[in-house]
Protein backbone atom coordinates (compact mmCIF):
# COMPACT_ATOMS: atom_id res chain seq x y z
CA MET A 1 33.78 -3.18 -6.98
CA ARG A 2 37.33 -3.87 -8.21
CA PHE A 3 39.81 -1.00 -8.28
CA ILE A 4 43.50 -0.26 -8.54
CA LYS A 5 44.87 1.17 -5.30
CA PRO A 6 46.09 4.77 -5.77
CA ILE A 7 49.64 5.69 -4.79
CA ASN A 8 49.75 9.12 -3.09
CA GLU A 9 51.31 10.70 -0.02
CA TYR A 10 48.48 11.91 2.19
CA VAL A 11 46.24 9.60 4.24
CA LEU A 12 42.42 9.68 4.20
CA TYR A 13 40.80 9.59 7.66
CA TYR A 14 37.20 8.99 8.80
CA ASN A 15 35.79 9.49 12.28
CA ASN A 16 34.31 6.54 14.17
CA ASN A 17 30.64 7.44 13.55
CA PHE A 18 31.19 7.66 9.79
CA ILE A 19 32.88 4.25 9.82
CA LYS A 20 30.09 2.84 12.00
CA HIS A 21 27.37 3.99 9.57
CA LEU A 22 29.29 2.64 6.55
CA GLN A 23 29.80 -0.71 8.25
CA SER A 24 26.11 -0.91 9.20
CA ILE A 25 25.04 -0.25 5.61
CA LYS A 26 27.50 -2.80 4.27
CA ASP A 27 26.49 -5.51 6.77
CA GLU A 28 22.74 -5.00 6.39
CA THR A 29 22.47 -4.40 2.63
CA GLY A 30 25.73 -5.47 1.01
CA ASP A 31 25.98 -1.95 -0.45
CA GLU A 32 29.07 -1.68 -2.72
CA ILE A 33 29.60 2.04 -2.25
CA SER A 34 29.90 1.66 1.52
CA SER A 35 32.31 -1.22 0.95
CA ASP A 36 34.51 0.84 -1.37
CA LEU A 37 34.47 3.83 0.98
CA LEU A 38 35.59 1.62 3.86
CA SER A 39 38.43 0.25 1.73
CA LEU A 40 39.71 3.80 1.12
CA CYS A 41 39.99 4.68 4.80
CA ARG A 42 43.64 5.30 5.82
CA GLN A 43 44.74 5.00 2.21
CA ASP A 44 46.81 7.53 0.29
CA ASN A 45 44.83 10.66 -0.46
CA LYS A 46 46.38 13.40 -2.54
CA ASP A 47 44.04 13.53 -5.52
CA ILE A 48 41.13 15.11 -3.61
CA ASP A 49 40.95 18.07 -1.24
CA ILE A 50 38.79 16.27 1.36
CA ASN A 51 39.91 14.62 4.58
CA TYR A 52 38.94 13.81 8.18
CA ILE A 53 35.38 12.98 7.14
CA SER A 54 32.76 12.84 9.89
CA THR A 55 28.98 12.70 10.14
CA GLY A 56 27.27 16.07 10.24
CA GLU A 57 23.66 17.15 10.40
CA VAL A 58 21.15 14.86 8.75
CA GLY A 59 21.93 14.77 5.04
CA GLN A 60 25.38 16.32 5.51
CA LEU A 61 28.99 15.20 5.96
CA ASN A 62 31.70 17.26 7.62
CA TYR A 63 35.30 17.31 6.45
CA VAL A 64 38.52 19.33 6.60
CA PRO A 65 40.11 20.32 3.26
CA ASP A 66 43.73 19.21 3.03
CA SER A 67 44.55 22.57 1.40
CA LYS A 68 43.50 24.39 4.58
CA ILE A 69 45.75 22.15 6.67
CA SER A 70 48.72 22.87 4.44
CA ARG A 71 47.97 26.59 4.45
CA LYS A 72 47.79 26.71 8.23
CA ILE A 73 51.05 24.79 8.57
CA LYS A 74 52.80 27.25 6.27
CA ASP A 75 51.28 30.28 8.01
CA GLU A 76 52.42 29.07 11.41
CA SER A 77 55.85 27.91 10.25
CA SER A 78 57.07 31.02 8.49
CA ASP A 79 60.10 31.26 10.80
CA ARG A 80 61.16 27.65 10.08
CA VAL A 81 63.58 26.53 7.41
CA GLU A 82 62.10 25.11 4.23
CA GLU A 83 63.17 21.56 5.00
CA GLU A 84 61.41 21.67 8.40
CA ILE A 85 58.21 23.01 6.83
CA GLU A 86 58.28 20.24 4.24
CA ARG A 87 58.71 17.66 6.99
CA ILE A 88 55.66 18.97 8.88
CA LEU A 89 53.58 19.11 5.70
CA ASN A 90 54.28 15.43 5.08
CA SER A 91 53.96 14.36 8.70
CA ASP A 92 50.78 12.40 9.24
CA TYR A 93 50.89 13.13 13.00
CA ASP A 94 51.33 16.87 12.56
CA ARG A 95 48.61 17.13 9.91
CA ARG A 96 46.11 15.37 12.16
CA TRP A 97 46.97 17.67 15.05
CA ILE A 98 46.61 20.77 12.88
CA ALA A 99 43.32 19.47 11.39
CA LYS A 100 41.71 19.54 14.84
CA GLN A 101 42.26 23.32 14.95
CA ILE A 102 40.49 24.04 11.66
CA PRO A 103 36.70 24.58 11.47
CA VAL A 104 35.05 21.82 9.46
CA SER A 105 33.36 22.35 6.13
CA SER A 106 30.02 20.72 5.35
CA ALA A 107 28.50 19.40 2.14
CA ARG A 108 25.73 17.08 1.03
CA ILE A 109 26.46 13.40 1.43
CA GLY A 110 26.20 12.56 -2.27
CA ARG A 111 28.50 15.38 -3.36
CA THR A 112 31.17 14.48 -0.79
CA VAL A 113 31.04 10.76 -1.47
CA GLN A 114 31.36 11.25 -5.22
CA LYS A 115 34.57 13.21 -4.67
CA VAL A 116 36.02 10.52 -2.40
CA LEU A 117 35.15 7.80 -4.90
CA LYS A 118 37.34 9.53 -7.48
CA LEU A 119 40.25 7.91 -5.66
CA LEU A 120 39.14 4.64 -7.21
CA LYS A 121 40.36 3.73 -10.66
CA TYR A 122 37.26 1.92 -11.92
CA ASP A 123 37.30 -1.31 -13.81
CA TYR A 124 36.65 -0.36 -17.45
CA LEU A 125 33.97 -3.05 -17.74
CA LYS A 126 31.91 -1.75 -14.84
CA GLY A 127 32.31 1.99 -15.00
CA GLU A 128 31.44 4.54 -12.36
CA TYR A 129 28.50 4.37 -10.00
CA SER A 130 25.25 5.64 -11.46
CA ALA A 131 23.20 8.50 -10.04
CA SER A 132 20.69 5.88 -8.86
CA ASP A 133 23.44 4.02 -6.97
CA ILE A 134 24.54 7.23 -5.26
CA GLU A 135 20.94 8.10 -4.36
CA THR A 136 20.38 4.67 -2.81
CA PHE A 137 23.55 5.01 -0.73
CA VAL A 138 22.58 8.54 0.39
CA ASN A 139 19.13 7.35 1.52
CA ARG A 140 20.72 4.50 3.46
CA PHE A 141 23.22 6.81 5.12
CA ILE A 142 20.60 9.42 6.08
CA ALA A 143 18.55 6.60 7.61
CA ARG A 144 21.52 5.69 9.86
CA GLN A 145 21.95 9.33 10.82
CA LYS A 146 18.31 9.54 11.89
CA ILE A 147 18.47 6.22 13.72
CA SER A 148 21.53 7.40 15.66
CA ILE A 149 19.60 10.48 16.77
CA GLY A 150 16.56 8.40 17.69
CA VAL A 151 13.38 7.39 15.86
CA ASP A 152 9.87 6.74 17.15
CA PHE A 153 8.15 3.60 15.89
CA GLU A 154 4.70 2.44 16.96
CA ILE A 155 2.98 -0.84 16.12
CA LEU A 156 -0.80 -0.57 15.66
CA GLU A 157 -3.21 -3.49 15.96
CA GLY A 158 -6.94 -4.04 15.48
CA ASP A 159 -9.06 -0.93 14.95
CA ASP A 160 -6.02 1.28 15.58
CA ILE A 161 -4.60 0.19 12.23
CA ILE A 162 -7.04 2.57 10.54
CA LYS A 163 -5.17 5.53 12.09
CA GLY A 164 -2.29 4.78 9.73
CA TYR A 165 -4.52 5.38 6.71
CA ARG A 166 -6.06 8.74 7.73
CA SER A 167 -4.22 11.71 6.23
CA ASP A 168 -5.08 13.96 9.19
CA ASN A 169 -2.65 11.83 11.23
CA TYR A 170 0.21 12.46 8.78
CA ALA A 171 3.06 14.92 9.19
CA LYS A 172 3.18 17.85 6.81
CA GLY A 173 5.25 17.08 3.76
CA ASP A 174 5.28 16.29 0.07
CA TYR A 175 1.70 15.55 -0.94
CA ASP A 176 3.02 13.68 -3.98
CA SER A 177 5.01 11.34 -1.73
CA GLU A 178 4.17 7.64 -1.54
CA LEU A 179 2.52 8.07 1.86
CA PHE A 180 0.07 10.77 0.80
CA ASP A 181 -0.36 9.39 -2.72
CA SER A 182 -1.22 5.87 -1.58
CA CYS A 183 -4.49 4.66 -3.09
CA MET A 184 -5.74 3.52 0.32
CA VAL A 185 -5.47 6.88 2.14
CA ASP A 186 -8.81 8.07 3.58
CA CYS A 187 -10.74 5.15 2.06
CA ASN A 188 -13.97 3.59 3.32
CA LEU A 189 -13.27 2.04 6.73
CA LYS A 190 -14.69 -1.30 5.57
CA TYR A 191 -11.76 -1.66 3.16
CA PHE A 192 -9.47 -2.34 6.13
CA ASP A 193 -11.42 -5.18 7.76
CA ILE A 194 -8.94 -7.73 6.41
CA TYR A 195 -6.30 -5.96 8.56
CA VAL A 196 -8.43 -5.03 11.55
CA LYS A 197 -10.11 -8.44 11.95
CA ASN A 198 -6.94 -10.47 11.56
CA HIS A 199 -4.53 -11.21 14.41
CA ASN A 200 -1.76 -12.04 11.91
CA CYS A 201 -1.61 -8.45 10.69
CA LYS A 202 -0.23 -5.28 12.31
CA LEU A 203 0.81 -1.84 11.10
CA LEU A 204 4.21 -0.30 11.84
CA THR A 205 4.25 3.51 11.84
CA LEU A 206 7.14 5.96 12.05
CA LYS A 207 6.41 9.24 13.82
CA ASN A 208 8.14 12.59 14.00
CA GLU A 209 8.78 14.61 17.15
CA GLU A 210 5.20 15.96 17.00
CA GLY A 211 3.72 12.46 17.00
CA LYS A 212 2.63 12.69 13.37
CA ILE A 213 3.07 9.74 11.03
CA THR A 214 5.84 10.01 8.41
CA GLY A 215 5.72 6.40 7.21
CA ARG A 216 3.85 3.11 7.53
CA CYS A 217 3.99 -0.52 6.47
CA LEU A 218 2.07 -3.70 7.19
CA LEU A 219 3.60 -6.48 9.26
CA TRP A 220 2.46 -10.05 8.62
CA ASP A 221 2.88 -13.38 10.40
CA ALA A 222 3.17 -15.80 7.48
CA THR A 223 4.11 -19.40 6.77
CA LEU A 224 5.79 -21.26 3.93
CA GLU A 225 6.04 -25.06 3.96
CA ASP A 226 5.20 -25.14 7.69
CA LYS A 227 7.97 -22.64 8.54
CA GLU A 228 7.02 -19.34 10.15
CA TYR A 229 8.16 -15.99 8.76
CA LYS A 230 7.72 -12.40 9.89
CA ILE A 231 7.22 -10.23 6.80
CA MET A 232 7.44 -6.47 6.37
CA ASP A 233 5.28 -5.34 3.45
CA ARG A 234 5.85 -2.42 1.09
CA VAL A 235 6.84 0.77 2.91
CA TYR A 236 5.06 4.09 2.33
CA THR A 237 6.91 7.22 3.51
CA ILE A 238 7.07 10.96 3.00
CA ARG A 239 10.85 10.93 2.47
CA PRO A 240 12.60 8.18 0.43
CA ASP A 241 15.43 7.82 2.97
CA GLU A 242 12.94 6.75 5.64
CA VAL A 243 12.33 3.49 3.76
CA GLU A 244 15.82 2.53 4.92
CA ILE A 245 14.87 3.30 8.54
CA PHE A 246 12.06 0.75 8.25
CA ARG A 247 14.38 -1.81 6.68
CA SER A 248 16.93 -1.35 9.44
CA TRP A 249 14.13 -1.88 12.00
CA ALA A 250 13.05 -5.03 10.12
CA GLN A 251 16.46 -6.64 10.28
CA LYS A 252 16.94 -5.81 13.94
CA SER A 253 13.43 -7.11 14.73
CA GLY A 254 13.69 -10.40 12.84
CA TYR A 255 11.56 -9.45 9.81
CA TYR A 256 12.10 -10.20 6.15
CA TYR A 257 11.49 -7.20 3.90
CA ARG A 258 10.83 -6.71 0.19
CA MET A 259 13.99 -5.95 -1.75
CA LYS A 260 12.00 -3.83 -4.22
CA ASN A 261 9.74 -1.25 -2.63
CA THR A 262 7.59 -1.10 -5.74
CA ASN A 263 5.01 -3.19 -7.60
CA ALA A 264 6.66 -2.75 -11.00
CA ASP A 265 7.77 -6.40 -11.07
CA ASN A 266 5.64 -9.40 -10.09
CA ASN A 267 8.61 -11.03 -8.39
CA ALA A 268 8.83 -8.06 -6.01
CA ARG A 269 6.22 -9.88 -3.91
CA TRP A 270 8.52 -12.76 -3.04
CA LYS A 271 12.10 -11.46 -3.43
CA MET A 272 13.07 -10.73 0.16
CA MET A 273 16.03 -9.71 2.30
CA SER A 274 16.41 -11.86 5.39
CA PRO A 275 17.12 -10.43 8.87
CA ASP A 276 20.75 -11.51 8.49
CA GLY A 277 21.15 -9.73 5.14
CA VAL A 278 20.74 -12.66 2.74
CA GLU A 279 18.73 -12.29 -0.47
CA THR A 280 16.09 -15.00 -0.71
CA GLU A 281 12.92 -15.97 -2.59
CA LEU A 282 9.83 -16.73 -0.52
CA LYS A 283 7.32 -17.63 -3.22
CA GLY A 284 4.10 -19.05 -1.81
CA LEU A 285 4.02 -17.27 1.55
CA GLU A 286 0.61 -17.62 3.18
CA VAL A 287 -1.23 -15.65 5.84
CA LYS A 288 -4.08 -17.42 7.62
CA LEU A 289 -7.15 -15.20 8.08
CA ASP A 290 -9.38 -15.28 11.14
CA THR A 291 -12.49 -14.80 8.99
CA ILE A 292 -13.55 -14.12 5.39
CA ASP A 293 -16.54 -12.05 6.45
CA TYR A 294 -15.31 -9.01 4.54
CA LYS A 295 -17.63 -6.85 2.47
CA LYS A 296 -14.87 -4.67 1.02
CA PHE A 297 -11.16 -5.20 0.34
CA PRO A 298 -8.07 -3.00 0.22
CA TYR A 299 -5.55 -2.96 -2.59
CA LEU A 300 -2.86 -5.37 -1.39
CA ASP A 301 0.78 -5.07 -2.47
CA THR A 302 2.17 -8.45 -1.44
CA PHE A 303 -0.51 -10.92 -0.24
CA LYS A 304 -2.97 -10.10 -2.98
CA PHE A 305 -4.41 -13.56 -3.76
CA LEU A 306 -7.34 -14.71 -1.60
CA ASN A 307 -8.53 -18.30 -1.25
CA ARG A 308 -11.91 -17.94 0.48
CA ARG A 309 -12.45 -21.65 1.01
CA ASN A 310 -9.25 -22.06 3.03
CA TYR A 311 -9.12 -18.58 4.62
CA ILE A 312 -5.73 -17.88 3.00
CA ILE A 313 -4.06 -14.89 1.35
CA CYS A 314 -0.87 -15.63 -0.58
CA ASN A 315 1.89 -13.79 -2.45
CA SER A 316 1.79 -16.18 -5.43
CA SER A 317 -1.30 -17.10 -7.45
CA LYS A 318 0.48 -20.06 -9.04
CA LYS A 319 1.51 -21.57 -5.72
CA LEU A 320 -1.99 -21.01 -4.33
CA GLU A 321 -3.64 -22.87 -7.22
CA GLU A 322 -1.11 -25.69 -7.11
CA LYS A 323 -1.62 -26.27 -3.40
CA TYR A 324 -5.39 -25.90 -3.05
CA ASN A 325 -6.59 -26.59 -6.61
CA ASN A 326 -9.40 -24.06 -6.53
CA LYS A 327 -10.17 -20.55 -7.62
CA TYR A 328 -8.84 -17.41 -5.98
CA LEU A 329 -9.65 -13.71 -5.92
CA THR A 330 -7.09 -11.03 -6.75
CA LEU A 331 -7.22 -8.09 -4.36
CA ASP A 332 -5.96 -5.43 -6.74
CA ASP A 333 -8.92 -3.08 -6.94
CA THR A 334 -8.70 0.41 -5.40
CA GLY A 335 -12.48 0.65 -5.11
CA GLY A 336 -12.91 -2.08 -2.50
CA SER A 337 -13.63 -4.93 -4.91
CA PHE A 338 -11.53 -7.70 -6.51
CA SER A 339 -10.88 -9.54 -9.75
CA GLY A 340 -9.91 -13.01 -10.85
CA ASP A 341 -12.76 -15.47 -10.25
CA ASP A 342 -15.72 -15.41 -12.65
CA ASN A 343 -17.61 -17.83 -10.38
CA ILE A 344 -17.79 -15.37 -7.48
CA VAL A 345 -19.98 -12.26 -7.31
CA VAL A 346 -20.66 -9.61 -4.68
CA ASP A 347 -24.26 -9.51 -3.49
CA TYR A 348 -26.38 -6.54 -2.36
CA LYS A 349 -24.89 -6.81 1.16
CA GLY A 350 -21.33 -6.69 -0.17
CA GLU A 351 -20.79 -10.37 0.57
CA LEU A 352 -19.22 -12.89 -1.80
CA ILE A 353 -21.56 -15.59 -3.12
CA ASP A 354 -21.25 -18.39 -5.68
CA LYS A 355 -22.47 -17.23 -9.07
CA ASP A 356 -24.25 -20.53 -9.85
CA LYS A 357 -26.49 -19.93 -6.82
CA ALA A 358 -27.05 -16.25 -7.56
CA ILE A 359 -29.24 -14.19 -9.84
CA PHE A 360 -28.89 -10.60 -10.98
CA SER A 361 -31.67 -8.04 -10.68
CA ASP A 362 -31.57 -5.75 -13.71
CA SER A 363 -33.93 -3.22 -12.20
CA GLU A 364 -32.06 -3.06 -8.86
CA ALA A 365 -28.57 -3.64 -10.31
CA TYR A 366 -27.39 -6.13 -7.67
CA TRP A 367 -26.72 -9.85 -7.22
CA MET A 368 -28.61 -12.00 -4.71
CA LEU A 369 -29.13 -15.66 -3.90
CA GLU A 370 -31.85 -17.02 -6.13
CA ASP A 371 -33.69 -18.68 -3.25
CA GLU A 372 -33.90 -15.27 -1.51
CA SER A 373 -35.70 -13.72 -4.48
CA VAL A 374 -39.09 -13.74 -6.21
CA PRO A 375 -40.12 -12.86 -9.78
CA PHE A 376 -42.05 -9.65 -10.34
CA LYS A 377 -43.30 -7.51 -13.23
CA TYR A 378 -43.04 -3.83 -13.95
CA PHE A 379 -44.06 -1.52 -16.79
CA ASN A 380 -41.28 0.42 -18.44
CA GLY A 381 -42.49 2.91 -21.00
CA PHE A 382 -44.04 0.73 -23.66
CA ARG A 383 -44.21 -2.81 -22.40
CA TRP A 384 -44.10 -5.11 -19.39
CA TYR A 385 -40.82 -6.55 -18.13
CA SER A 386 -40.10 -9.49 -15.89
CA ASP A 387 -37.32 -9.38 -13.28
CA ARG A 388 -36.45 -10.73 -9.83
CA ILE A 389 -36.07 -8.97 -6.52
CA LEU A 390 -35.55 -9.85 -2.86
CA THR A 391 -38.54 -11.60 -1.32
CA ASN A 392 -38.73 -9.13 1.56
CA SER A 393 -38.37 -6.03 -0.61
CA ASP A 394 -40.84 -3.23 0.17
CA LYS A 395 -40.77 -2.20 -3.48
CA ILE A 396 -43.07 -5.00 -4.60
CA ILE A 397 -46.62 -6.04 -3.76
CA PHE A 398 -48.52 -9.28 -4.37
CA CYS A 399 -51.54 -9.13 -6.69
CA ASP A 400 -53.87 -11.85 -5.43
CA PRO A 401 -56.16 -12.08 -8.50
CA LEU A 402 -53.20 -12.50 -10.85
CA LYS A 403 -51.06 -14.45 -8.36
CA GLU A 404 -48.00 -12.36 -9.24
CA TYR A 405 -45.75 -9.71 -7.72
CA TYR A 406 -45.71 -6.23 -9.22
CA LEU A 407 -43.82 -3.01 -8.57
CA LYS A 408 -45.75 -1.42 -5.74
CA LYS A 409 -45.57 2.16 -7.01
CA GLN A 410 -47.24 1.01 -10.25
CA CYS A 411 -50.21 -0.54 -8.44
CA VAL A 412 -53.51 0.77 -7.08
CA TRP A 413 -55.82 -0.61 -4.40
CA SER A 414 -58.96 -2.34 -5.57
CA LYS A 415 -61.90 -2.68 -3.19
CA TYR A 416 -63.55 -5.02 -5.60
CA HIS A 417 -60.60 -7.41 -5.65
CA ASN A 418 -59.53 -6.61 -2.08
CA SER A 419 -55.99 -6.47 -3.37
CA PHE A 420 -53.42 -4.28 -5.07
CA ILE A 421 -53.57 -4.55 -8.85
CA PRO A 422 -51.32 -3.12 -11.57
CA GLU A 423 -52.66 0.26 -12.67
CA LYS A 424 -51.74 -0.35 -16.32
CA LYS A 425 -53.91 -3.49 -16.31
CA SER A 426 -56.90 -1.85 -14.61
CA ILE A 427 -59.85 0.36 -15.46
CA GLU A 428 -61.37 3.02 -13.26
CA VAL A 429 -65.06 2.65 -12.42
CA LYS A 430 -67.71 4.41 -10.38
CA THR A 431 -69.61 2.40 -7.86
CA GLU A 432 -73.28 2.56 -6.83
CA ASP A 433 -72.55 5.06 -4.10
CA GLU A 434 -70.77 7.34 -6.58
CA GLY A 435 -67.41 6.16 -5.26
CA LYS A 436 -64.36 5.30 -7.32
CA ASP A 437 -62.67 1.94 -7.65
CA TYR A 438 -60.32 0.02 -9.90
CA ILE A 439 -60.84 -3.35 -11.45
CA LEU A 440 -58.75 -5.53 -13.72
CA GLU A 441 -59.59 -5.16 -17.38
CA ASP A 442 -60.43 -8.85 -17.65
CA TYR A 443 -63.11 -8.38 -14.97
CA GLU A 444 -65.09 -5.69 -16.83
CA ASP A 445 -67.84 -8.03 -18.01
CA LYS A 446 -68.30 -9.47 -14.53
CA PHE A 447 -68.49 -6.06 -12.93
CA TYR A 448 -70.75 -4.37 -15.54
CA LYS A 449 -73.86 -6.52 -15.75
CA PRO A 450 -76.68 -5.22 -18.00
CA GLY A 451 -79.98 -4.66 -16.17
CA THR A 452 -78.50 -3.97 -12.80
CA PHE A 453 -77.37 -0.33 -12.52
CA PRO A 454 -75.84 0.51 -15.91
CA ASP A 455 -76.54 4.24 -15.77
CA ALA A 456 -74.67 4.63 -12.49
CA LEU A 457 -71.57 2.80 -13.68
CA LYS A 458 -69.45 4.96 -15.90
CA ILE A 459 -66.54 2.87 -16.94
CA LYS A 460 -63.41 4.65 -18.10
CA ASN A 461 -60.66 2.71 -19.80
CA LYS A 462 -57.25 3.41 -18.44
């Protein structure tokens, strides 16, 4: 940010830790506020009553008001002549020595920084920093404060990844935060198979002093044009400032991270910050999967486009189609499913099958491979319906006289036919031994033969 250097008499001082945090933020993120604050160090400072700024408790900055320094000098110099007092008041050396004897004041980072930035005379075209700019800087600074104290990261792999999605492993905090409010928290375990059964995926978790999770993000081993990249996915935390802790870890660990920790823009999937702090676009990043034997899918933030034929997930649908020239699935469903390819359906086992080889069972409400099914008939209120069902289903039974399958619960056993027959197509009869049996309606004339035992056979139409 351009500014006109102020001309005052006092000098603004920072302690080494404050300078270190500002420099870290500037180097890693290119943050303009940290750059401007660094430029003001040891500059004239008479327009604000803040000086000797140092890092305090997390979220706080310490400082000594210049007014207190001047007051102490005057109180302790009452026996001196006025000219001597004025010399001490304007002596940089004496003011620094006196400042060390005064208890520090503390204030929130944002409030203190805004006061210091008043020393800048802003370019009229750019104006002052927005509240959002200040908030971003504060989150970045708090992250450095926590890092300097010490943070506990753990990388989870395989089945352990699921621990990062169970809310009983989370620290107490804001239940409306991104971590608790994530759509994948406490979901069906099968949703996470694409993470668990994939050696190119891990989960990074941040823990508090009690070992509870305060944040998580996926780590991917990806490629783009035969070059390997380590990618940090969207970060989910309880506190916004902890996103910056993850980003700092990413840069120190050689990972690219998303510049926008949101899905509001499509380009957020490929606009990345490199480990050396350079903004870059990585459109078309691919992750190779070990298998596609997944029955359910999670909602994916970055690598949401799945090419089943090539075992690939990608962060760009356009690049995926251009390279492989076939259909893809979009993993953007919070219920374990997908969208995007009308030629793919999920069968009764939760597996993906080609639609042109599948058939849908209306009565069972599921898809299946046509060659795994058989036609059957069932009666529904007023008429007979035809449908298909799995060949090995225990819900159907074969009627030998009619050479068709019927719904088993709608059939009765016929001794005469030695087979199950549909009850709605049968009649009940009494046999010679006063027993009961069922026969098909079309067989009535064959069964009831005049002159044999007509009085014993009482036929009742069903």
